[in-house]
Amino acid sequence: MKTLFPEPRYRRANGQFATKEMAYADKMREENKTLKHEAEMYQRMYFTLFKENQKLKQKLENIKSIL
């Protein structure tokens, strides 16, 4: 069916025209990069809280042993 609007042209991340699969692969690569960054951020937050929790537990054990 003929329409007024042309078919969408797929593009890569650098702006080049591409096939549908190439454009999808670029989009997934960028999303994967973002998700890896977020995972690393949350992992670092976890390790920071874990270390702080260990220190507080040790202080609590020391106080309990004194009492």
C-alpha atoms as a PDB file:
ATOM      1  CA  MET A   1       0.000   0.000   0.000  1.00  0.00           C
ATOM      2  CA  LYS A   2       1.370   3.402  -0.928  1.00  0.00           C
ATOM      3  CA  THR A   3       1.602   5.980   1.864  1.00  0.00           C
ATOM      4  CA  LEU A   4       2.675   9.594   2.146  1.00  0.00           C
ATOM      5  CA  PHE A   5       5.547   8.716   4.469  1.00  0.00           C
ATOM      6  CA  PRO A   6       8.564   6.746   3.299  1.00  0.00           C
ATOM      7  CA  GLU A   7       9.540   3.541   5.041  1.00  0.00           C
ATOM      8  CA  PRO A   8      11.730   4.095   8.084  1.00  0.00           C
ATOM      9  CA  ARG A   9      15.417   4.034   7.332  1.00  0.00           C
ATOM     10  CA  TYR A  10      17.474   2.194   9.852  1.00  0.00           C
ATOM     11  CA  ARG A  11      20.690   3.793  11.009  1.00  0.00           C
ATOM     12  CA  ARG A  12      23.693   2.700  12.998  1.00  0.00           C
ATOM     13  CA  ALA A  13      24.962   4.501  16.089  1.00  0.00           C
ATOM     14  CA  ASN A  14      27.387   6.553  13.959  1.00  0.00           C
ATOM     15  CA  GLY A  15      24.580   7.718  11.624  1.00  0.00           C
ATOM     16  CA  GLN A  16      25.258   5.433   8.670  1.00  0.00           C
ATOM     17  CA  PHE A  17      22.368   3.749   6.930  1.00  0.00           C
ATOM     18  CA  ALA A  18      22.113   0.098   7.906  1.00  0.00           C
ATOM     19  CA  THR A  19      19.983  -2.981   7.710  1.00  0.00           C
ATOM     20  CA  LYS A  20      17.379  -3.613  10.361  1.00  0.00           C
ATOM     21  CA  GLU A  21      19.595  -6.234  12.022  1.00  0.00           C
ATOM     22  CA  MET A  22      22.668  -3.979  12.102  1.00  0.00           C
ATOM     23  CA  ALA A  23      20.680  -1.126  13.648  1.00  0.00           C
ATOM     24  CA  TYR A  24      19.212  -3.498  16.246  1.00  0.00           C
ATOM     25  CA  ALA A  25      22.684  -4.856  17.078  1.00  0.00           C
ATOM     26  CA  ASP A  26      23.997  -1.325  17.630  1.00  0.00           C
ATOM     27  CA  LYS A  27      21.045  -0.491  19.847  1.00  0.00           C
ATOM     28  CA  MET A  28      21.569  -3.652  21.913  1.00  0.00           C
ATOM     29  CA  ARG A  29      25.313  -2.945  22.205  1.00  0.00           C
ATOM     30  CA  GLU A  30      24.583   0.484  23.687  1.00  0.00           C
ATOM     31  CA  GLU A  31      21.958  -0.921  26.054  1.00  0.00           C
ATOM     32  CA  ASN A  32      24.359  -3.657  27.148  1.00  0.00           C
ATOM     33  CA  LYS A  33      27.031  -1.043  27.873  1.00  0.00           C
ATOM     34  CA  THR A  34      24.555   0.946  29.977  1.00  0.00           C
ATOM     35  CA  LEU A  35      23.417  -2.116  31.914  1.00  0.00           C
ATOM     36  CA  LYS A  36      27.014  -3.184  32.626  1.00  0.00           C
ATOM     37  CA  HIS A  37      27.730   0.296  33.980  1.00  0.00           C
ATOM     38  CA  GLU A  38      24.660   0.187  36.245  1.00  0.00           C
ATOM     39  CA  ALA A  39      25.544  -3.317  37.455  1.00  0.00           C
ATOM     40  CA  GLU A  40      29.047  -2.194  38.378  1.00  0.00           C
ATOM     41  CA  MET A  41      27.636   0.851  40.181  1.00  0.00           C
ATOM     42  CA  TYR A  42      25.256  -1.270  42.276  1.00  0.00           C
ATOM     43  CA  GLN A  43      27.985  -3.832  42.974  1.00  0.00           C
ATOM     44  CA  ARG A  44      30.299  -1.116  44.307  1.00  0.00           C
ATOM     45  CA  MET A  45      27.487   0.255  46.463  1.00  0.00           C
ATOM     46  CA  TYR A  46      26.897  -3.249  47.846  1.00  0.00           C
ATOM     47  CA  PHE A  47      30.573  -3.805  48.678  1.00  0.00           C
ATOM     48  CA  THR A  48      30.768  -0.439  50.425  1.00  0.00           C
ATOM     49  CA  LEU A  49      27.775  -1.244  52.620  1.00  0.00           C
ATOM     50  CA  PHE A  50      29.067  -4.760  53.236  1.00  0.00           C
ATOM     51  CA  LYS A  51      32.438  -3.482  54.511  1.00  0.00           C
ATOM     52  CA  GLU A  52      30.744  -0.896  56.720  1.00  0.00           C
ATOM     53  CA  ASN A  53      28.405  -3.554  58.088  1.00  0.00           C
ATOM     54  CA  GLN A  54      31.357  -5.824  58.908  1.00  0.00           C
ATOM     55  CA  LYS A  55      33.085  -3.023  60.838  1.00  0.00           C
ATOM     56  CA  LEU A  56      29.937  -2.257  62.822  1.00  0.00           C
ATOM     57  CA  LYS A  57      29.427  -5.941  63.649  1.00  0.00           C
ATOM     58  CA  GLN A  58      32.998  -6.153  64.904  1.00  0.00           C
ATOM     59  CA  LYS A  59      32.487  -3.076  67.105  1.00  0.00           C
ATOM     60  CA  LEU A  60      29.276  -4.571  68.457  1.00  0.00           C
ATOM     61  CA  GLU A  61      31.044  -7.844  69.292  1.00  0.00           C
ATOM     62  CA  ASN A  62      33.802  -5.920  71.067  1.00  0.00           C
ATOM     63  CA  ILE A  63      31.254  -3.969  73.130  1.00  0.00           C
ATOM     64  CA  LYS A  64      29.384  -7.181  73.981  1.00  0.00           C
ATOM     65  CA  SER A  65      32.572  -8.869  75.110  1.00  0.00           C
ATOM     66  CA  ILE A  66      33.405  -5.914  77.379  1.00  0.00           C
ATOM     67  CA  LEU A  67      29.982  -6.018  79.005  1.00  0.00           C
END
